[in-house]
Amino acid sequence: MSIEKVRAFLEPFGKADKIREFDVSSATVELAALAVGVEGARICKTLAFQHKDGSCILICAAGDGKVSNKGFKEFFGFKAKMLAHDQTAEMTGHAVGGVCPFALPDHVQAYCDESLRRFETVF
């Protein structure tokens, strides 16, 4: 289960107890914002994209952020193509709706979008 992998990953940093689990779904930005009690923009969404070498790239962005196809291509050097649901779980170890940038396989790279900078804390 990926939540246990994430908990183990955060343990050496003294942050494993910061994980918040809910009795309601938090699988979308809107649902997560309701569960946490914050505006949707403060939810950090993680999007999975196919890398040209066959691996994947994760982009963490503010809940109201969008990935620019032009900006993606300028930064990474290839066209943005999101992973399918089954590919996301297979390649990251996290199911869609619960993808996070922690406890990832070595071949997965995670990047934070500038849209997150405007917040001191995101969820």
N, C-alpha and C. Protein backbone atom coordinates (compact mmCIF):
# COMPACT_ATOMS: atom_id res chain seq x y z
N MET A 1 0.85 -1.19 0.00
CA MET A 1 0.00 0.00 0.00
C MET A 1 0.89 1.24 0.00
N SER A 2 0.64 2.20 -0.87
CA SER A 2 1.53 3.34 -1.00
C SER A 2 1.54 4.24 0.22
N ILE A 3 0.45 4.31 0.98
CA ILE A 3 0.45 5.16 2.17
C ILE A 3 1.51 4.69 3.17
N GLU A 4 1.70 3.40 3.27
CA GLU A 4 2.72 2.87 4.18
C GLU A 4 4.13 3.18 3.67
N LYS A 5 4.31 3.14 2.35
CA LYS A 5 5.60 3.51 1.76
C LYS A 5 5.91 4.98 2.02
N VAL A 6 4.90 5.82 1.89
CA VAL A 6 5.07 7.25 2.12
C VAL A 6 5.37 7.50 3.60
N ARG A 7 4.65 6.83 4.47
CA ARG A 7 4.89 6.98 5.91
C ARG A 7 6.33 6.59 6.25
N ALA A 8 6.80 5.47 5.71
CA ALA A 8 8.18 5.02 5.96
C ALA A 8 9.18 6.02 5.38
N PHE A 9 8.88 6.58 4.21
CA PHE A 9 9.75 7.58 3.59
C PHE A 9 9.88 8.82 4.47
N LEU A 10 8.78 9.27 5.06
CA LEU A 10 8.77 10.50 5.86
C LEU A 10 9.29 10.31 7.28
N GLU A 11 9.33 9.09 7.75
CA GLU A 11 9.75 8.80 9.12
C GLU A 11 11.13 9.37 9.48
N PRO A 12 12.17 9.19 8.66
CA PRO A 12 13.49 9.75 9.02
C PRO A 12 13.52 11.28 9.14
N PHE A 13 12.54 11.93 8.54
CA PHE A 13 12.45 13.39 8.60
C PHE A 13 11.56 13.86 9.75
N GLY A 14 11.02 12.90 10.52
CA GLY A 14 10.13 13.24 11.62
C GLY A 14 8.80 13.79 11.16
N LYS A 15 8.37 13.41 9.96
CA LYS A 15 7.13 13.96 9.38
C LYS A 15 6.05 12.91 9.14
N ALA A 16 6.29 11.67 9.50
CA ALA A 16 5.30 10.62 9.24
C ALA A 16 3.97 10.91 9.92
N ASP A 17 4.00 11.59 11.05
CA ASP A 17 2.76 11.90 11.77
C ASP A 17 2.00 13.07 11.16
N LYS A 18 2.54 13.68 10.12
CA LYS A 18 1.87 14.80 9.46
C LYS A 18 0.90 14.35 8.37
N ILE A 19 0.92 13.07 8.04
CA ILE A 19 0.01 12.54 7.02
C ILE A 19 -1.42 12.64 7.55
N ARG A 20 -2.30 13.15 6.71
CA ARG A 20 -3.71 13.26 7.09
C ARG A 20 -4.53 12.31 6.24
N GLU A 21 -5.27 11.45 6.90
CA GLU A 21 -6.17 10.53 6.21
C GLU A 21 -7.60 10.91 6.56
N PHE A 22 -8.52 10.72 5.61
CA PHE A 22 -9.88 11.18 5.77
C PHE A 22 -10.88 10.05 5.60
N ASP A 23 -12.04 10.21 6.21
CA ASP A 23 -13.14 9.25 6.04
C ASP A 23 -13.88 9.49 4.73
N VAL A 24 -13.60 10.62 4.09
CA VAL A 24 -14.21 10.95 2.81
C VAL A 24 -13.13 10.95 1.74
N SER A 25 -13.53 10.88 0.49
CA SER A 25 -12.56 10.89 -0.60
C SER A 25 -11.84 12.23 -0.70
N SER A 26 -10.56 12.16 -1.02
CA SER A 26 -9.77 13.36 -1.29
C SER A 26 -9.03 13.17 -2.62
N ALA A 27 -9.65 12.42 -3.52
CA ALA A 27 -9.01 12.02 -4.77
C ALA A 27 -8.95 13.11 -5.84
N THR A 28 -9.70 14.18 -5.66
CA THR A 28 -9.64 15.30 -6.61
C THR A 28 -9.29 16.56 -5.83
N VAL A 29 -8.91 17.60 -6.53
CA VAL A 29 -8.61 18.87 -5.87
C VAL A 29 -9.82 19.35 -5.08
N GLU A 30 -10.99 19.29 -5.70
CA GLU A 30 -12.21 19.78 -5.04
C GLU A 30 -12.52 18.99 -3.78
N LEU A 31 -12.45 17.66 -3.87
CA LEU A 31 -12.74 16.81 -2.71
C LEU A 31 -11.69 16.99 -1.61
N ALA A 32 -10.43 17.11 -2.01
CA ALA A 32 -9.37 17.31 -1.02
C ALA A 32 -9.54 18.65 -0.31
N ALA A 33 -9.90 19.69 -1.06
CA ALA A 33 -10.11 21.00 -0.45
C ALA A 33 -11.24 20.96 0.57
N LEU A 34 -12.32 20.25 0.24
CA LEU A 34 -13.42 20.10 1.19
C LEU A 34 -12.99 19.33 2.43
N ALA A 35 -12.24 18.26 2.22
CA ALA A 35 -11.80 17.42 3.35
C ALA A 35 -10.87 18.20 4.28
N VAL A 36 -9.97 18.98 3.72
CA VAL A 36 -9.00 19.73 4.51
C VAL A 36 -9.59 21.02 5.05
N GLY A 37 -10.53 21.60 4.31
CA GLY A 37 -11.13 22.87 4.72
C GLY A 37 -10.36 24.08 4.24
N VAL A 38 -9.81 23.99 3.02
CA VAL A 38 -9.06 25.10 2.44
C VAL A 38 -9.56 25.35 1.02
N GLU A 39 -9.12 26.44 0.43
CA GLU A 39 -9.44 26.71 -0.97
C GLU A 39 -8.70 25.70 -1.86
N GLY A 40 -9.30 25.38 -2.98
CA GLY A 40 -8.71 24.40 -3.89
C GLY A 40 -7.31 24.71 -4.36
N ALA A 41 -7.00 25.99 -4.49
CA ALA A 41 -5.66 26.38 -4.95
C ALA A 41 -4.57 25.87 -4.02
N ARG A 42 -4.88 25.69 -2.73
CA ARG A 42 -3.88 25.25 -1.75
C ARG A 42 -3.69 23.74 -1.71
N ILE A 43 -4.39 23.03 -2.58
CA ILE A 43 -4.18 21.59 -2.70
C ILE A 43 -3.07 21.38 -3.74
N CYS A 44 -2.07 20.64 -3.37
CA CYS A 44 -0.98 20.33 -4.30
C CYS A 44 -1.37 19.10 -5.11
N LYS A 45 -1.66 19.32 -6.39
CA LYS A 45 -1.99 18.19 -7.24
C LYS A 45 -0.73 17.70 -7.93
N THR A 46 -0.66 16.39 -8.11
CA THR A 46 0.51 15.78 -8.74
C THR A 46 0.06 15.12 -10.04
N LEU A 47 0.63 15.58 -11.14
CA LEU A 47 0.27 15.10 -12.47
C LEU A 47 1.41 14.25 -13.03
N ALA A 48 1.07 13.13 -13.64
CA ALA A 48 2.08 12.20 -14.16
C ALA A 48 2.12 12.26 -15.68
N PHE A 49 3.33 12.46 -16.21
CA PHE A 49 3.53 12.58 -17.65
C PHE A 49 4.55 11.54 -18.13
N GLN A 50 4.35 11.10 -19.37
CA GLN A 50 5.26 10.16 -20.01
C GLN A 50 6.54 10.88 -20.41
N HIS A 51 7.69 10.37 -20.01
CA HIS A 51 8.98 10.92 -20.44
C HIS A 51 9.33 10.29 -21.78
N LYS A 52 10.09 10.99 -22.57
CA LYS A 52 10.46 10.47 -23.90
C LYS A 52 11.31 9.20 -23.80
N ASP A 53 11.94 8.96 -22.64
CA ASP A 53 12.76 7.75 -22.49
C ASP A 53 11.96 6.56 -21.96
N GLY A 54 10.65 6.73 -21.79
CA GLY A 54 9.80 5.64 -21.32
C GLY A 54 9.50 5.68 -19.84
N SER A 55 10.22 6.49 -19.08
CA SER A 55 9.93 6.63 -17.65
C SER A 55 8.83 7.69 -17.50
N CYS A 56 8.69 8.24 -16.30
CA CYS A 56 7.69 9.29 -16.15
C CYS A 56 8.22 10.45 -15.32
N ILE A 57 7.52 11.56 -15.46
CA ILE A 57 7.82 12.80 -14.75
C ILE A 57 6.57 13.18 -13.97
N LEU A 58 6.75 13.59 -12.74
CA LEU A 58 5.63 14.12 -11.96
C LEU A 58 5.79 15.62 -11.83
N ILE A 59 4.70 16.32 -12.00
CA ILE A 59 4.69 17.77 -11.80
C ILE A 59 3.68 18.07 -10.70
N CYS A 60 4.18 18.68 -9.63
CA CYS A 60 3.33 19.10 -8.52
C CYS A 60 2.97 20.56 -8.75
N ALA A 61 1.67 20.85 -8.73
CA ALA A 61 1.20 22.20 -9.01
C ALA A 61 0.08 22.57 -8.06
N ALA A 62 -0.15 23.87 -7.93
CA ALA A 62 -1.28 24.34 -7.13
C ALA A 62 -2.57 23.80 -7.74
N GLY A 63 -3.56 23.60 -6.89
CA GLY A 63 -4.83 23.02 -7.33
C GLY A 63 -5.50 23.77 -8.46
N ASP A 64 -5.26 25.06 -8.57
CA ASP A 64 -5.85 25.83 -9.66
C ASP A 64 -4.88 26.03 -10.82
N GLY A 65 -3.71 25.40 -10.75
CA GLY A 65 -2.70 25.54 -11.79
C GLY A 65 -2.97 24.65 -12.99
N LYS A 66 -2.42 25.02 -14.10
CA LYS A 66 -2.53 24.24 -15.32
C LYS A 66 -1.13 24.08 -15.90
N VAL A 67 -0.90 22.98 -16.58
CA VAL A 67 0.38 22.75 -17.23
C VAL A 67 0.28 23.28 -18.66
N SER A 68 1.15 24.20 -18.98
CA SER A 68 1.20 24.76 -20.32
C SER A 68 1.94 23.79 -21.23
N ASN A 69 1.30 23.39 -22.32
CA ASN A 69 1.96 22.50 -23.27
C ASN A 69 3.23 23.14 -23.83
N LYS A 70 3.15 24.42 -24.14
CA LYS A 70 4.30 25.14 -24.68
C LYS A 70 5.42 25.21 -23.63
N GLY A 71 5.08 25.58 -22.41
CA GLY A 71 6.07 25.67 -21.34
C GLY A 71 6.70 24.32 -21.02
N PHE A 72 5.87 23.27 -21.03
CA PHE A 72 6.37 21.92 -20.79
C PHE A 72 7.41 21.55 -21.84
N LYS A 73 7.07 21.77 -23.12
CA LYS A 73 7.98 21.42 -24.20
C LYS A 73 9.26 22.25 -24.14
N GLU A 74 9.15 23.53 -23.81
CA GLU A 74 10.34 24.37 -23.72
C GLU A 74 11.26 23.89 -22.59
N PHE A 75 10.68 23.47 -21.46
CA PHE A 75 11.49 23.06 -20.31
C PHE A 75 12.06 21.66 -20.49
N PHE A 76 11.21 20.70 -20.91
CA PHE A 76 11.64 19.30 -20.98
C PHE A 76 12.15 18.86 -22.35
N GLY A 77 11.78 19.59 -23.39
CA GLY A 77 12.27 19.26 -24.73
C GLY A 77 11.44 18.24 -25.48
N PHE A 78 10.24 17.95 -25.02
CA PHE A 78 9.33 17.04 -25.72
C PHE A 78 7.90 17.38 -25.32
N LYS A 79 6.96 16.87 -26.10
CA LYS A 79 5.55 17.18 -25.91
C LYS A 79 4.99 16.50 -24.65
N ALA A 80 4.12 17.22 -23.95
CA ALA A 80 3.48 16.69 -22.75
C ALA A 80 2.45 15.63 -23.12
N LYS A 81 2.54 14.47 -22.46
CA LYS A 81 1.55 13.41 -22.64
C LYS A 81 1.31 12.78 -21.27
N MET A 82 0.09 12.96 -20.75
CA MET A 82 -0.21 12.41 -19.44
C MET A 82 -0.29 10.89 -19.51
N LEU A 83 0.09 10.25 -18.40
CA LEU A 83 -0.01 8.80 -18.31
C LEU A 83 -1.46 8.37 -18.14
N ALA A 84 -1.80 7.21 -18.64
CA ALA A 84 -3.12 6.61 -18.40
C ALA A 84 -3.18 6.17 -16.94
N HIS A 85 -4.38 5.97 -16.42
CA HIS A 85 -4.56 5.59 -15.02
C HIS A 85 -3.74 4.36 -14.64
N ASP A 86 -3.82 3.30 -15.45
CA ASP A 86 -3.09 2.07 -15.11
C ASP A 86 -1.58 2.27 -15.20
N GLN A 87 -1.12 3.08 -16.14
CA GLN A 87 0.31 3.36 -16.25
C GLN A 87 0.81 4.16 -15.04
N THR A 88 -0.02 5.09 -14.56
CA THR A 88 0.37 5.92 -13.43
C THR A 88 0.64 5.06 -12.20
N ALA A 89 -0.27 4.18 -11.88
CA ALA A 89 -0.09 3.30 -10.71
C ALA A 89 1.11 2.39 -10.90
N GLU A 90 1.26 1.85 -12.09
CA GLU A 90 2.37 0.94 -12.37
C GLU A 90 3.73 1.63 -12.27
N MET A 91 3.82 2.85 -12.82
CA MET A 91 5.10 3.53 -12.88
C MET A 91 5.48 4.29 -11.61
N THR A 92 4.47 4.76 -10.85
CA THR A 92 4.77 5.57 -9.67
C THR A 92 4.58 4.82 -8.35
N GLY A 93 3.78 3.76 -8.38
CA GLY A 93 3.45 3.06 -7.14
C GLY A 93 2.28 3.69 -6.41
N HIS A 94 1.69 4.73 -6.99
CA HIS A 94 0.55 5.43 -6.41
C HIS A 94 -0.59 5.45 -7.42
N ALA A 95 -1.79 5.19 -6.95
CA ALA A 95 -2.96 5.23 -7.83
C ALA A 95 -3.36 6.67 -8.12
N VAL A 96 -3.99 6.89 -9.27
CA VAL A 96 -4.52 8.21 -9.61
C VAL A 96 -5.47 8.62 -8.50
N GLY A 97 -5.35 9.88 -8.08
CA GLY A 97 -6.13 10.38 -6.96
C GLY A 97 -5.34 10.34 -5.66
N GLY A 98 -4.19 9.67 -5.69
CA GLY A 98 -3.34 9.57 -4.52
C GLY A 98 -1.86 9.65 -4.86
N VAL A 99 -1.56 10.17 -6.05
CA VAL A 99 -0.16 10.29 -6.47
C VAL A 99 0.50 11.41 -5.68
N CYS A 100 1.66 11.12 -5.13
CA CYS A 100 2.41 12.14 -4.40
C CYS A 100 3.89 12.04 -4.79
N PRO A 101 4.68 13.06 -4.49
CA PRO A 101 6.08 13.06 -4.91
C PRO A 101 7.02 12.34 -3.94
N PHE A 102 6.49 11.52 -3.05
CA PHE A 102 7.31 10.82 -2.05
C PHE A 102 7.25 9.31 -2.27
N ALA A 103 8.28 8.62 -1.85
CA ALA A 103 8.35 7.16 -1.93
C ALA A 103 8.16 6.68 -3.37
N LEU A 104 8.90 7.29 -4.26
CA LEU A 104 8.80 6.96 -5.68
C LEU A 104 9.91 6.02 -6.11
N PRO A 105 9.69 5.24 -7.16
CA PRO A 105 10.78 4.45 -7.73
C PRO A 105 11.89 5.39 -8.20
N ASP A 106 13.11 4.90 -8.24
CA ASP A 106 14.27 5.72 -8.60
C ASP A 106 14.16 6.38 -9.97
N HIS A 107 13.47 5.76 -10.91
CA HIS A 107 13.40 6.29 -12.27
C HIS A 107 12.37 7.41 -12.44
N VAL A 108 11.65 7.74 -11.38
CA VAL A 108 10.62 8.79 -11.46
C VAL A 108 11.18 10.10 -10.92
N GLN A 109 11.08 11.14 -11.72
CA GLN A 109 11.53 12.47 -11.31
C GLN A 109 10.32 13.33 -10.99
N ALA A 110 10.41 14.10 -9.91
CA ALA A 110 9.32 14.99 -9.52
C ALA A 110 9.79 16.44 -9.56
N TYR A 111 8.94 17.30 -10.07
CA TYR A 111 9.22 18.73 -10.19
C TYR A 111 8.09 19.51 -9.53
N CYS A 112 8.42 20.65 -8.95
CA CYS A 112 7.41 21.54 -8.37
C CYS A 112 7.21 22.73 -9.30
N ASP A 113 5.97 23.00 -9.62
CA ASP A 113 5.62 24.12 -10.47
C ASP A 113 5.68 25.42 -9.67
N GLU A 114 5.97 26.51 -10.34
CA GLU A 114 6.04 27.82 -9.69
C GLU A 114 4.73 28.24 -9.05
N SER A 115 3.62 27.66 -9.47
CA SER A 115 2.31 28.02 -8.91
C SER A 115 2.22 27.75 -7.41
N LEU A 116 3.09 26.90 -6.89
CA LEU A 116 3.09 26.58 -5.46
C LEU A 116 3.76 27.66 -4.61
N ARG A 117 4.60 28.49 -5.22
CA ARG A 117 5.39 29.49 -4.47
C ARG A 117 4.55 30.51 -3.72
N ARG A 118 3.36 30.74 -4.16
CA ARG A 118 2.55 31.79 -3.54
C ARG A 118 1.97 31.39 -2.19
N PHE A 119 2.14 30.11 -1.81
CA PHE A 119 1.60 29.63 -0.55
C PHE A 119 2.71 29.22 0.42
N GLU A 120 2.54 29.54 1.67
CA GLU A 120 3.49 29.07 2.68
C GLU A 120 3.26 27.58 2.94
N THR A 121 2.00 27.16 2.89
CA THR A 121 1.65 25.76 3.14
C THR A 121 0.67 25.29 2.07
N VAL A 122 0.90 24.10 1.55
CA VAL A 122 -0.04 23.45 0.66
C VAL A 122 -0.33 22.06 1.22
N PHE A 123 -1.43 21.49 0.79
CA PHE A 123 -1.84 20.18 1.29
C PHE A 123 -1.91 19.19 0.15
